[in-house]
Structure formats: structure tokens, C-alpha cells
Amino acid sequence: MTEPWPLDPAGWTSTTPAAVVPQPAAEADGLRGRRVVVGLPGLGWRGDLRADDPVVQSARTFVPILPEAEWYRAEVDGVDVYVPLVPIERVWVETVHTADAVDVSRLVSLDGPPRREPIPVLDAGPLTGRRIVTISDGLARRDLRAITELHVGADDTVCLRLCTERDWYRWAWTGIAPSTTASAVQHSWIE
């Protein structure tokens, strides 16, 4: 997924990437492959999940939900995996949202999953394995994972190495190290 963003003359992006805002799955179009959060208001939330198309059983709508690692394994290797069905009212779709300003409040409502604002990697603590969004050539790129911590790259810039989420999860079940790319620190955020 990409989004246009302008760069300033020094090479730092002039704005941060858009926030991820959960939207009730019942209000979303096309759930297959979408990143979702499941849970119950007031109890808690679980992320790093992917959805499949909803199914109706006994007049009730359910969403097949898989951990991301299983989603990618099923998609890449074409294997069948166990898929729990979650009532649609307990599923929220992660949606990139640019309509409103950043809310600096740390208080959230327990009625739905919290909004997630991007955090510059310099302010984020340990990076390896975390979801990353980068801005390159004016476009935001998502569905990436950090595979290293910050380091000095070949051209003396501070950077980290990234791989696609698909390759990150494939590494877990095959043992084959993923292909990686470097991303300059000024173009990288924790998602």
C-alpha cells in the first residue's frame, strides 16, 4: 500500500505517514487479506492478524481470522490451515486514515481498538521484528518488518534493513533468510 507524501529539501519527509485507524469490519469492503484487530470492548485487543471473506452460518456473520504467519504460509505454500471464525462485531479492519489531525492524547476509549500513530524509528526503542512504514520517492510503503537495528550503512547514512512481511514470516517456517533493503532513518517509522 502506498500514499503520496512530499519531501523537504534536506531529505526528511515533511509529514509523518498516516495513522492506522481501526474500522468495524461490518462497515468495511473486501476483507480478504486485510490486516485486522479482534477483541472485545473493555477486555482487550489482539493484532497482527489477517482476515478472509466473511461467511454466514445460522444467520450470523463470521470472519475467518489467521495469525499473519499462518496467512502468509497459506498464501505462499498453498497449504490448508485451521481458521477460527470470529463474530464480525468483534473484528476491526486496520485502515490508513489521513482525514484528521494527530491526536496527542494517550487516553483511549475501550469501545474499540486504539488508533496507532506512526513513531519515528529514532524514538521507538528496539526495532527488529517490528512493523515499519517508509516514505521513499514521495510514497508511503507498508507491510514491512525491521530485520536489523539502526546502523551506519555503506554510504555512511544511519539506516536499518527491512524485508517484506511475506518474507519475514516465510523465514520462520523455511529457515531461508529474506531479501532485505536498507531504509534511511529519516524515512522510517514504526507503524
Foldseek 3Di string as FASTA:
>chain_A
DKDFFDPDPVRFTPDFFFWWDWAQPVPDPAQAQFWKWFDAQPPDIDGQKGWHDWDADPNFIWIFIDRNLVSLCCVPVVDDDDTDTHGSRRMITTDGDDDDDDDPDPDDGSHDDDMGDWAQLVPPPDFAQFWKWFADPRMIDGQKGFHHRWDQDPVRATWTKIFGNSQVSVCVVPVDHGDIDIDGSSGMTGD
